[in-house]
Amino acid sequence: MAAELYEQKRFPDIWVEILNGNGVTGVAAQYTEFLRDKGFDVQRTDNADNFSYQNTLVIDRSDNR
């Protein structure tokens, strides 16, 4: 099932929010386009609360945490 969804580039149960936390102009928009091309539902693209993030952070909120 997962392989079939991947091949169809559809991920109906996954939505993504991309926040730019490094201060480089256009990074969030670039990755939004990349993920949408892969079939992900990007719900929001914006700046993070600051631009001092050194690493990418992925948060799984599937269990409403």
Protein backbone atom coordinates (compact mmCIF):
# COMPACT_ATOMS: atom_id res chain seq x y z
CA MET A 1 0.00 0.00 0.00
CA ALA A 2 2.72 2.52 0.93
CA ALA A 3 4.67 1.75 -2.25
CA GLU A 4 1.52 2.22 -4.31
CA LEU A 5 0.81 5.62 -2.72
CA TYR A 6 4.42 6.66 -3.27
CA GLU A 7 4.31 5.69 -6.93
CA GLN A 8 1.10 7.68 -7.32
CA LYS A 9 2.73 10.59 -5.45
CA ARG A 10 -0.22 10.86 -3.08
CA PHE A 11 0.08 11.15 0.66
CA PRO A 12 -3.47 11.98 1.81
CA ASP A 13 -2.79 11.58 5.53
CA ILE A 14 0.36 13.69 5.62
CA TRP A 15 0.33 17.46 5.66
CA VAL A 16 3.41 19.57 6.00
CA GLU A 17 4.30 22.98 7.39
CA ILE A 18 7.62 24.48 6.30
CA LEU A 19 9.18 27.28 8.33
CA ASN A 20 12.38 29.04 7.29
CA GLY A 21 14.64 29.17 10.34
CA ASN A 22 17.98 29.94 8.70
CA GLY A 23 17.25 33.37 7.22
CA VAL A 24 18.15 32.48 3.63
CA THR A 25 15.51 34.11 1.45
CA GLY A 26 13.35 31.67 -0.49
CA VAL A 27 14.39 28.44 1.23
CA ALA A 28 10.91 27.64 2.56
CA ALA A 29 9.33 28.36 -0.83
CA GLN A 30 11.92 26.19 -2.58
CA TYR A 31 11.24 23.22 -0.32
CA THR A 32 7.49 23.79 -0.52
CA GLU A 33 7.67 23.41 -4.29
CA PHE A 34 9.94 20.35 -3.97
CA LEU A 35 7.58 18.55 -1.57
CA ARG A 36 4.44 19.45 -3.52
CA ASP A 37 6.06 18.03 -6.65
CA LYS A 38 6.55 14.81 -4.65
CA GLY A 39 2.85 14.73 -3.77
CA PHE A 40 2.87 16.13 -0.24
CA ASP A 41 0.20 18.54 0.97
CA VAL A 42 2.12 21.59 2.19
CA GLN A 43 -0.40 23.53 4.26
CA ARG A 44 1.77 26.44 5.34
CA THR A 45 5.03 28.12 4.35
CA ASP A 46 6.38 30.91 6.55
CA ASN A 47 9.33 32.15 8.58
CA ALA A 48 10.19 30.43 11.86
CA ASP A 49 10.21 32.29 15.17
CA ASN A 50 13.88 33.17 14.57
CA PHE A 51 16.66 32.62 12.03
CA SER A 52 19.25 31.01 14.30
CA TYR A 53 18.35 27.36 13.69
CA GLN A 54 21.42 25.30 12.80
CA ASN A 55 19.62 22.03 11.94
CA THR A 56 16.41 20.83 10.36
CA LEU A 57 13.68 19.93 12.82
CA VAL A 58 10.89 17.49 11.95
CA ILE A 59 7.93 17.23 14.30
CA ASP A 60 5.40 14.41 14.00
CA ARG A 61 2.05 15.58 15.31
CA SER A 62 0.05 12.61 14.11
CA ASP A 63 -1.02 11.78 17.66
CA ASN A 64 -1.97 15.41 18.42
CA ARG A 65 1.10 16.14 20.55
